[in-house]
Amino acid sequence: MSEPAILHWERVIHKNVRSSDGTDVGNIISEAGDTFTVMQGTQREYNIPKSVVEGFNGSEVSLSIPYSEVLGYKVA
């Protein structure tokens, strides 16, 4: 099993998230268990699995999935 892309999730709270196709997804507002929550503006909220995180460059979390897949994690 490989090492996770992010070891210390408290360091990425309030950081920006970008999908694999370059779309700005929003900012991380919390994490719990195997998911983290991203808020896009004041309207859209996503619970995204940590398993799709590709990396963190110090200011932005990158995902291994395109924005079209992120939409499937939208909170109703």
C-alpha atoms as a PDB file:
ATOM      1  CA  MET A   1       0.000   0.000   0.000  1.00  0.00           C
ATOM      2  CA  SER A   2       1.384   3.400  -0.942  1.00  0.00           C
ATOM      3  CA  GLU A   3       1.680   6.355   1.380  1.00  0.00           C
ATOM      4  CA  PRO A   4      -1.278   8.786   1.274  1.00  0.00           C
ATOM      5  CA  ALA A   5      -0.783  12.085  -0.568  1.00  0.00           C
ATOM      6  CA  ILE A   6      -1.654  14.044   2.587  1.00  0.00           C
ATOM      7  CA  LEU A   7      -0.496  12.886   6.000  1.00  0.00           C
ATOM      8  CA  HIS A   8      -1.632  15.855   8.113  1.00  0.00           C
ATOM      9  CA  TRP A   9      -5.136  16.903   7.065  1.00  0.00           C
ATOM     10  CA  GLU A  10      -5.254  19.747   9.598  1.00  0.00           C
ATOM     11  CA  ARG A  11      -2.672  21.510   7.395  1.00  0.00           C
ATOM     12  CA  VAL A  12      -4.953  21.581   4.346  1.00  0.00           C
ATOM     13  CA  ILE A  13      -8.139  22.908   5.963  1.00  0.00           C
ATOM     14  CA  HIS A  14      -9.096  26.116   4.064  1.00  0.00           C
ATOM     15  CA  LYS A  15      -6.781  25.217   1.146  1.00  0.00           C
ATOM     16  CA  ASN A  16      -7.996  25.260  -2.444  1.00  0.00           C
ATOM     17  CA  VAL A  17      -8.811  22.057  -4.354  1.00  0.00           C
ATOM     18  CA  ARG A  18      -8.307  21.582  -8.101  1.00  0.00           C
ATOM     19  CA  SER A  19      -9.586  18.708 -10.260  1.00  0.00           C
ATOM     20  CA  SER A  20      -7.359  16.813 -12.689  1.00  0.00           C
ATOM     21  CA  ASP A  21      -8.725  18.876 -15.594  1.00  0.00           C
ATOM     22  CA  GLY A  22      -7.735  22.140 -13.880  1.00  0.00           C
ATOM     23  CA  THR A  23     -11.133  23.220 -12.541  1.00  0.00           C
ATOM     24  CA  ASP A  24     -11.231  25.097  -9.227  1.00  0.00           C
ATOM     25  CA  VAL A  25     -13.419  22.912  -6.986  1.00  0.00           C
ATOM     26  CA  GLY A  26     -13.440  25.090  -3.838  1.00  0.00           C
ATOM     27  CA  ASN A  27     -11.900  25.138  -0.357  1.00  0.00           C
ATOM     28  CA  ILE A  28     -11.589  22.309   2.144  1.00  0.00           C
ATOM     29  CA  ILE A  29     -13.757  23.055   5.184  1.00  0.00           C
ATOM     30  CA  SER A  30     -13.413  19.779   7.107  1.00  0.00           C
ATOM     31  CA  GLU A  31     -12.320  16.160   7.008  1.00  0.00           C
ATOM     32  CA  ALA A  32     -13.530  13.027   8.729  1.00  0.00           C
ATOM     33  CA  GLY A  33     -12.795   9.356   8.186  1.00  0.00           C
ATOM     34  CA  ASP A  34     -12.201   8.577   4.525  1.00  0.00           C
ATOM     35  CA  THR A  35     -13.650  11.836   3.127  1.00  0.00           C
ATOM     36  CA  PHE A  36     -13.106  15.568   3.186  1.00  0.00           C
ATOM     37  CA  THR A  37     -15.640  18.323   2.595  1.00  0.00           C
ATOM     38  CA  VAL A  38     -15.142  21.061   0.021  1.00  0.00           C
ATOM     39  CA  MET A  39     -17.271  24.202  -0.179  1.00  0.00           C
ATOM     40  CA  GLN A  40     -17.547  26.011  -3.506  1.00  0.00           C
ATOM     41  CA  GLY A  41     -18.827  29.522  -2.882  1.00  0.00           C
ATOM     42  CA  THR A  42     -21.861  29.409  -0.614  1.00  0.00           C
ATOM     43  CA  GLN A  43     -23.964  27.072  -2.737  1.00  0.00           C
ATOM     44  CA  ARG A  44     -22.115  23.827  -3.485  1.00  0.00           C
ATOM     45  CA  GLU A  45     -20.714  21.331  -1.020  1.00  0.00           C
ATOM     46  CA  TYR A  46     -18.892  18.104  -1.892  1.00  0.00           C
ATOM     47  CA  ASN A  47     -17.866  15.105   0.261  1.00  0.00           C
ATOM     48  CA  ILE A  48     -14.883  13.762  -1.652  1.00  0.00           C
ATOM     49  CA  PRO A  49     -13.028  10.517  -0.854  1.00  0.00           C
ATOM     50  CA  LYS A  50      -9.453  11.021   0.318  1.00  0.00           C
ATOM     51  CA  SER A  51      -8.448   8.227  -2.061  1.00  0.00           C
ATOM     52  CA  VAL A  52      -8.783  10.575  -5.079  1.00  0.00           C
ATOM     53  CA  VAL A  53      -6.248  13.101  -3.740  1.00  0.00           C
ATOM     54  CA  GLU A  54      -3.210  13.117  -5.997  1.00  0.00           C
ATOM     55  CA  GLY A  55      -1.046  15.611  -4.126  1.00  0.00           C
ATOM     56  CA  PHE A  56      -0.558  18.844  -2.222  1.00  0.00           C
ATOM     57  CA  ASN A  57       1.897  21.521  -3.340  1.00  0.00           C
ATOM     58  CA  GLY A  58       1.740  23.639  -0.179  1.00  0.00           C
ATOM     59  CA  SER A  59      -1.105  25.858  -1.327  1.00  0.00           C
ATOM     60  CA  GLU A  60      -3.421  23.655  -3.355  1.00  0.00           C
ATOM     61  CA  VAL A  61      -4.722  20.075  -3.189  1.00  0.00           C
ATOM     62  CA  SER A  62      -4.868  18.300  -6.544  1.00  0.00           C
ATOM     63  CA  LEU A  63      -7.313  15.519  -7.360  1.00  0.00           C
ATOM     64  CA  SER A  64      -6.850  12.536  -9.671  1.00  0.00           C
ATOM     65  CA  ILE A  65     -10.383  12.902 -11.062  1.00  0.00           C
ATOM     66  CA  PRO A  66     -11.915  15.469 -13.461  1.00  0.00           C
ATOM     67  CA  TYR A  67     -14.557  17.965 -12.359  1.00  0.00           C
ATOM     68  CA  SER A  68     -17.309  15.901 -14.011  1.00  0.00           C
ATOM     69  CA  GLU A  69     -16.600  13.143 -11.463  1.00  0.00           C
ATOM     70  CA  VAL A  70     -16.411  15.623  -8.565  1.00  0.00           C
ATOM     71  CA  LEU A  71     -20.018  16.570  -9.323  1.00  0.00           C
ATOM     72  CA  GLY A  72     -21.030  13.032  -8.323  1.00  0.00           C
ATOM     73  CA  TYR A  73     -19.923  13.790  -4.749  1.00  0.00           C
ATOM     74  CA  LYS A  74     -22.189  16.814  -4.367  1.00  0.00           C
ATOM     75  CA  VAL A  75     -24.089  16.928  -1.070  1.00  0.00           C
ATOM     76  CA  ALA A  76     -27.832  17.128  -1.700  1.00  0.00           C
END
